[in-house]
Amino acid sequence: MRIVELFVLFSLLFTFCDSSQADAKAKEEADRVAEEERKKKEVSALFFMHKQTTRIKVAEHNFL
């Protein structure tokens, strides 16, 4: 009987460890995706600022 109880306890422990590892991997993946999205938004904002600066320079050149 004790062997069965130990087996059940160890299997529950390993199941818990596997699920916590899966949770950690899922969180890591979510963090990576969030970081990629943040970088995309940052690049998009920088491109927009560059485009606006170029438009202002062209407008100044045409005005002068």
PDB file of N, CA and C in Angstrom:
ATOM      1  N   MET A   1       0.828  -1.202   0.000  1.00  0.00           N
ATOM      2  CA  MET A   1       0.000   0.000   0.000  1.00  0.00           C
ATOM      3  C   MET A   1       0.864   1.255   0.000  1.00  0.00           C
ATOM      4  N   ARG A   2       1.919   1.257   0.775  1.00  0.00           N
ATOM      5  CA  ARG A   2       2.805   2.415   0.848  1.00  0.00           C
ATOM      6  C   ARG A   2       3.460   2.702  -0.505  1.00  0.00           C
ATOM      7  N   ILE A   3       3.788   1.649  -1.223  1.00  0.00           N
ATOM      8  CA  ILE A   3       4.433   1.834  -2.524  1.00  0.00           C
ATOM      9  C   ILE A   3       3.487   2.552  -3.475  1.00  0.00           C
ATOM     10  N   VAL A   4       2.226   2.171  -3.445  1.00  0.00           N
ATOM     11  CA  VAL A   4       1.232   2.822  -4.297  1.00  0.00           C
ATOM     12  C   VAL A   4       1.086   4.291  -3.914  1.00  0.00           C
ATOM     13  N   GLU A   5       1.045   4.569  -2.618  1.00  0.00           N
ATOM     14  CA  GLU A   5       0.927   5.960  -2.168  1.00  0.00           C
ATOM     15  C   GLU A   5       2.138   6.779  -2.601  1.00  0.00           C
ATOM     16  N   LEU A   6       3.330   6.210  -2.452  1.00  0.00           N
ATOM     17  CA  LEU A   6       4.543   6.908  -2.890  1.00  0.00           C
ATOM     18  C   LEU A   6       4.528   7.151  -4.394  1.00  0.00           C
ATOM     19  N   PHE A   7       4.094   6.140  -5.131  1.00  0.00           N
ATOM     20  CA  PHE A   7       4.013   6.290  -6.584  1.00  0.00           C
ATOM     21  C   PHE A   7       3.061   7.424  -6.962  1.00  0.00           C
ATOM     22  N   VAL A   8       1.914   7.476  -6.311  1.00  0.00           N
ATOM     23  CA  VAL A   8       0.936   8.535  -6.582  1.00  0.00           C
ATOM     24  C   VAL A   8       1.514   9.899  -6.224  1.00  0.00           C
ATOM     25  N   LEU A   9       2.176   9.992  -5.076  1.00  0.00           N
ATOM     26  CA  LEU A   9       2.775  11.266  -4.668  1.00  0.00           C
ATOM     27  C   LEU A   9       3.846  11.725  -5.651  1.00  0.00           C
ATOM     28  N   PHE A  10       4.719  10.798  -6.066  1.00  0.00           N
ATOM     29  CA  PHE A  10       5.764  11.170  -7.020  1.00  0.00           C
ATOM     30  C   PHE A  10       5.182  11.550  -8.377  1.00  0.00           C
ATOM     31  N   SER A  11       4.164  10.837  -8.814  1.00  0.00           N
ATOM     32  CA  SER A  11       3.565  11.184 -10.104  1.00  0.00           C
ATOM     33  C   SER A  11       2.883  12.548 -10.032  1.00  0.00           C
ATOM     34  N   LEU A  12       2.257  12.865  -8.901  1.00  0.00           N
ATOM     35  CA  LEU A  12       1.669  14.197  -8.735  1.00  0.00           C
ATOM     36  C   LEU A  12       2.746  15.273  -8.711  1.00  0.00           C
ATOM     37  N   LEU A  13       3.847  14.981  -8.044  1.00  0.00           N
ATOM     38  CA  LEU A  13       4.958  15.926  -7.984  1.00  0.00           C
ATOM     39  C   LEU A  13       5.521  16.186  -9.379  1.00  0.00           C
ATOM     40  N   PHE A  14       5.759  15.125 -10.139  1.00  0.00           N
ATOM     41  CA  PHE A  14       6.290  15.302 -11.490  1.00  0.00           C
ATOM     42  C   PHE A  14       5.294  16.013 -12.394  1.00  0.00           C
ATOM     43  N   THR A  15       4.023  15.737 -12.225  1.00  0.00           N
ATOM     44  CA  THR A  15       2.998  16.430 -13.006  1.00  0.00           C
ATOM     45  C   THR A  15       3.011  17.917 -12.686  1.00  0.00           C
ATOM     46  N   PHE A  16       3.134  18.245 -11.407  1.00  0.00           N
ATOM     47  CA  PHE A  16       3.197  19.650 -11.001  1.00  0.00           C
ATOM     48  C   PHE A  16       4.434  20.322 -11.578  1.00  0.00           C
ATOM     49  N   CYS A  17       5.583  19.635 -11.537  1.00  0.00           N
ATOM     50  CA  CYS A  17       6.820  20.204 -12.083  1.00  0.00           C
ATOM     51  C   CYS A  17       6.696  20.426 -13.582  1.00  0.00           C
ATOM     52  N   ASP A  18       6.117  19.459 -14.293  1.00  0.00           N
ATOM     53  CA  ASP A  18       5.943  19.601 -15.737  1.00  0.00           C
ATOM     54  C   ASP A  18       5.021  20.764 -16.066  1.00  0.00           C
ATOM     55  N   SER A  19       3.944  20.915 -15.297  1.00  0.00           N
ATOM     56  CA  SER A  19       3.010  22.005 -15.583  1.00  0.00           C
ATOM     57  C   SER A  19       3.639  23.355 -15.263  1.00  0.00           C
ATOM     58  N   SER A  20       4.458  23.419 -14.210  1.00  0.00           N
ATOM     59  CA  SER A  20       5.107  24.692 -13.899  1.00  0.00           C
ATOM     60  C   SER A  20       6.148  25.033 -14.955  1.00  0.00           C
ATOM     61  N   GLN A  21       6.825  24.027 -15.504  1.00  0.00           N
ATOM     62  CA  GLN A  21       7.765  24.276 -16.597  1.00  0.00           C
ATOM     63  C   GLN A  21       7.022  24.751 -17.839  1.00  0.00           C
ATOM     64  N   ALA A  22       5.874  24.160 -18.115  1.00  0.00           N
ATOM     65  CA  ALA A  22       5.073  24.581 -19.264  1.00  0.00           C
ATOM     66  C   ALA A  22       4.582  26.011 -19.067  1.00  0.00           C
ATOM     67  N   ASP A  23       4.184  26.351 -17.837  1.00  0.00           N
ATOM     68  CA  ASP A  23       3.759  27.722 -17.546  1.00  0.00           C
ATOM     69  C   ASP A  23       4.910  28.697 -17.743  1.00  0.00           C
ATOM     70  N   ALA A  24       6.096  28.307 -17.304  1.00  0.00           N
ATOM     71  CA  ALA A  24       7.269  29.175 -17.460  1.00  0.00           C
ATOM     72  C   ALA A  24       7.598  29.371 -18.934  1.00  0.00           C
ATOM     73  N   LYS A  25       7.501  28.306 -19.720  1.00  0.00           N
ATOM     74  CA  LYS A  25       7.769  28.419 -21.159  1.00  0.00           C
ATOM     75  C   LYS A  25       6.719  29.293 -21.831  1.00  0.00           C
ATOM     76  N   ALA A  26       5.462  29.139 -21.439  1.00  0.00           N
ATOM     77  CA  ALA A  26       4.393  29.956 -22.019  1.00  0.00           C
ATOM     78  C   ALA A  26       4.589  31.425 -21.667  1.00  0.00           C
ATOM     79  N   LYS A  27       4.986  31.709 -20.436  1.00  0.00           N
ATOM     80  CA  LYS A  27       5.239  33.093 -20.027  1.00  0.00           C
ATOM     81  C   LYS A  27       6.424  33.666 -20.791  1.00  0.00           C
ATOM     82  N   GLU A  28       7.467  32.861 -20.962  1.00  0.00           N
ATOM     83  CA  GLU A  28       8.645  33.306 -21.714  1.00  0.00           C
ATOM     84  C   GLU A  28       8.268  33.625 -23.157  1.00  0.00           C
ATOM     85  N   GLU A  29       7.450  32.783 -23.765  1.00  0.00           N
ATOM     86  CA  GLU A  29       7.001  33.016 -25.142  1.00  0.00           C
ATOM     87  C   GLU A  29       6.149  34.278 -25.223  1.00  0.00           C
ATOM     88  N   ALA A  30       5.266  34.476 -24.259  1.00  0.00           N
ATOM     89  CA  ALA A  30       4.426  35.678 -24.244  1.00  0.00           C
ATOM     90  C   ALA A  30       5.284  36.929 -24.078  1.00  0.00           C
ATOM     91  N   ASP A  31       6.299  36.857 -23.226  1.00  0.00           N
ATOM     92  CA  ASP A  31       7.207  37.995 -23.050  1.00  0.00           C
ATOM     93  C   ASP A  31       7.966  38.297 -24.336  1.00  0.00           C
ATOM     94  N   ARG A  32       8.396  37.243 -25.030  1.00  0.00           N
ATOM     95  CA  ARG A  32       9.131  37.425 -26.287  1.00  0.00           C
ATOM     96  C   ARG A  32       8.241  38.081 -27.343  1.00  0.00           C
ATOM     97  N   VAL A  33       7.009  37.609 -27.444  1.00  0.00           N
ATOM     98  CA  VAL A  33       6.072  38.183 -28.415  1.00  0.00           C
ATOM     99  C   VAL A  33       5.769  39.639 -28.066  1.00  0.00           C
ATOM    100  N   ALA A  34       5.590  39.936 -26.789  1.00  0.00           N
ATOM    101  CA  ALA A  34       5.329  41.317 -26.365  1.00  0.00           C
ATOM    102  C   ALA A  34       6.516  42.215 -26.688  1.00  0.00           C
ATOM    103  N   GLU A  35       7.723  41.711 -26.500  1.00  0.00           N
ATOM    104  CA  GLU A  35       8.932  42.488 -26.814  1.00  0.00           C
ATOM    105  C   GLU A  35       9.024  42.754 -28.319  1.00  0.00           C
ATOM    106  N   GLU A  36       8.695  41.745 -29.136  1.00  0.00           N
ATOM    107  CA  GLU A  36       8.705  41.938 -30.590  1.00  0.00           C
ATOM    108  C   GLU A  36       7.676  42.987 -31.004  1.00  0.00           C
ATOM    109  N   GLU A  37       6.496  42.937 -30.416  1.00  0.00           N
ATOM    110  CA  GLU A  37       5.464  43.923 -30.734  1.00  0.00           C
ATOM    111  C   GLU A  37       5.900  45.331 -30.331  1.00  0.00           C
ATOM    112  N   ARG A  38       6.550  45.448 -29.178  1.00  0.00           N
ATOM    113  CA  ARG A  38       7.038  46.746 -28.720  1.00  0.00           C
ATOM    114  C   ARG A  38       8.088  47.286 -29.687  1.00  0.00           C
ATOM    115  N   LYS A  39       8.971  46.413 -30.155  1.00  0.00           N
ATOM    116  CA  LYS A  39      10.007  46.833 -31.103  1.00  0.00           C
ATOM    117  C   LYS A  39       9.383  47.267 -32.426  1.00  0.00           C
ATOM    118  N   LYS A  40       8.372  46.537 -32.890  1.00  0.00           N
ATOM    119  CA  LYS A  40       7.699  46.905 -34.135  1.00  0.00           C
ATOM    120  C   LYS A  40       7.059  48.280 -34.012  1.00  0.00           C
ATOM    121  N   LYS A  41       6.409  48.536 -32.884  1.00  0.00           N
ATOM    122  CA  LYS A  41       5.779  49.842 -32.675  1.00  0.00           C
ATOM    123  C   LYS A  41       6.830  50.941 -32.612  1.00  0.00           C
ATOM    124  N   GLU A  42       7.958  50.653 -31.976  1.00  0.00           N
ATOM    125  CA  GLU A  42       9.031  51.639 -31.868  1.00  0.00           C
ATOM    126  C   GLU A  42       9.601  51.965 -33.251  1.00  0.00           C
ATOM    127  N   VAL A  43       9.834  50.950 -34.064  1.00  0.00           N
ATOM    128  CA  VAL A  43      10.345  51.167 -35.418  1.00  0.00           C
ATOM    129  C   VAL A  43       9.326  51.941 -36.242  1.00  0.00           C
ATOM    130  N   SER A  44       8.061  51.601 -36.090  1.00  0.00           N
ATOM    131  CA  SER A  44       7.008  52.305 -36.816  1.00  0.00           C
ATOM    132  C   SER A  44       6.971  53.775 -36.420  1.00  0.00           C
ATOM    133  N   ALA A  45       7.103  54.052 -35.137  1.00  0.00           N
ATOM    134  CA  ALA A  45       7.100  55.441 -34.667  1.00  0.00           C
ATOM    135  C   ALA A  45       8.317  56.193 -35.188  1.00  0.00           C
ATOM    136  N   LEU A  46       9.475  55.547 -35.185  1.00  0.00           N
ATOM    137  CA  LEU A  46      10.685  56.193 -35.704  1.00  0.00           C
ATOM    138  C   LEU A  46      10.551  56.480 -37.196  1.00  0.00           C
ATOM    139  N   PHE A  47       9.979  55.543 -37.951  1.00  0.00           N
ATOM    140  CA  PHE A  47       9.779  55.763 -39.378  1.00  0.00           C
ATOM    141  C   PHE A  47       8.815  56.921 -39.610  1.00  0.00           C
ATOM    142  N   PHE A  48       7.742  56.985 -38.824  1.00  0.00           N
ATOM    143  CA  PHE A  48       6.781  58.075 -38.954  1.00  0.00           C
ATOM    144  C   PHE A  48       7.452  59.415 -38.669  1.00  0.00           C
ATOM    145  N   MET A  49       8.276  59.465 -37.611  1.00  0.00           N
ATOM    146  CA  MET A  49       8.974  60.710 -37.278  1.00  0.00           C
ATOM    147  C   MET A  49       9.925  61.106 -38.404  1.00  0.00           C
ATOM    148  N   HIS A  50      10.620  60.139 -38.986  1.00  0.00           N
ATOM    149  CA  HIS A  50      11.531  60.419 -40.096  1.00  0.00           C
ATOM    150  C   HIS A  50      10.754  60.963 -41.298  1.00  0.00           C
ATOM    151  N   LYS A  51       9.604  60.345 -41.575  1.00  0.00           N
ATOM    152  CA  LYS A  51       8.782  60.777 -42.704  1.00  0.00           C
ATOM    153  C   LYS A  51       8.290  62.207 -42.489  1.00  0.00           C
ATOM    154  N   GLN A  52       7.856  62.518 -41.284  1.00  0.00           N
ATOM    155  CA  GLN A  52       7.384  63.868 -40.981  1.00  0.00           C
ATOM    156  C   GLN A  52       8.525  64.879 -41.087  1.00  0.00           C
ATOM    157  N   THR A  53       9.702  64.521 -40.592  1.00  0.00           N
ATOM    158  CA  THR A  53      10.861  65.413 -40.671  1.00  0.00           C
ATOM    159  C   THR A  53      11.221  65.679 -42.125  1.00  0.00           C
ATOM    160  N   THR A  54      11.168  64.647 -42.949  1.00  0.00           N
ATOM    161  CA  THR A  54      11.467  64.810 -44.374  1.00  0.00           C
ATOM    162  C   THR A  54      10.445  65.735 -45.023  1.00  0.00           C
ATOM    163  N   ARG A  55       9.184  65.578 -44.688  1.00  0.00           N
ATOM    164  CA  ARG A  55       8.145  66.454 -45.249  1.00  0.00           C
ATOM    165  C   ARG A  55       8.381  67.909 -44.848  1.00  0.00           C
ATOM    166  N   ILE A  56       8.778  68.126 -43.601  1.00  0.00           N
ATOM    167  CA  ILE A  56       9.034  69.492 -43.125  1.00  0.00           C
ATOM    168  C   ILE A  56      10.220  70.084 -43.874  1.00  0.00           C
ATOM    169  N   LYS A  57      11.281  69.297 -44.050  1.00  0.00           N
ATOM    170  CA  LYS A  57      12.455  69.789 -44.779  1.00  0.00           C
ATOM    171  C   LYS A  57      12.104  70.132 -46.218  1.00  0.00           C
ATOM    172  N   VAL A  58      11.306  69.304 -46.870  1.00  0.00           N
ATOM    173  CA  VAL A  58      10.892  69.580 -48.252  1.00  0.00           C
ATOM    174  C   VAL A  58      10.038  70.837 -48.294  1.00  0.00           C
ATOM    175  N   ALA A  59       9.136  70.982 -47.340  1.00  0.00           N
ATOM    176  CA  ALA A  59       8.284  72.174 -47.302  1.00  0.00           C
ATOM    177  C   ALA A  59       9.125  73.425 -47.078  1.00  0.00           C
ATOM    178  N   GLU A  60      10.109  73.360 -46.198  1.00  0.00           N
ATOM    179  CA  GLU A  60      10.996  74.505 -45.973  1.00  0.00           C
ATOM    180  C   GLU A  60      11.778  74.836 -47.231  1.00  0.00           C
ATOM    181  N   HIS A  61      12.264  73.808 -47.910  1.00  0.00           N
ATOM    182  CA  HIS A  61      13.034  74.021 -49.136  1.00  0.00           C
ATOM    183  C   HIS A  61      12.162  74.666 -50.211  1.00  0.00           C
ATOM    184  N   ASN A  62      10.933  74.195 -50.354  1.00  0.00           N
ATOM    185  CA  ASN A  62      10.026  74.761 -51.358  1.00  0.00           C
ATOM    186  C   ASN A  62       9.619  76.183 -51.001  1.00  0.00           C
ATOM    187  N   PHE A  63       9.538  76.477 -49.706  1.00  0.00           N
ATOM    188  CA  PHE A  63       9.145  77.817 -49.278  1.00  0.00           C
ATOM    189  C   PHE A  63      10.249  78.821 -49.562  1.00  0.00           C
ATOM    190  N   LEU A  64      11.489  78.397 -49.366  1.00  0.00           N
ATOM    191  CA  LEU A  64      12.624  79.298 -49.587  1.00  0.00           C
ATOM    192  C   LEU A  64      12.909  79.340 -51.045  1.00  0.00           C
TER     193      LEU A  64
END
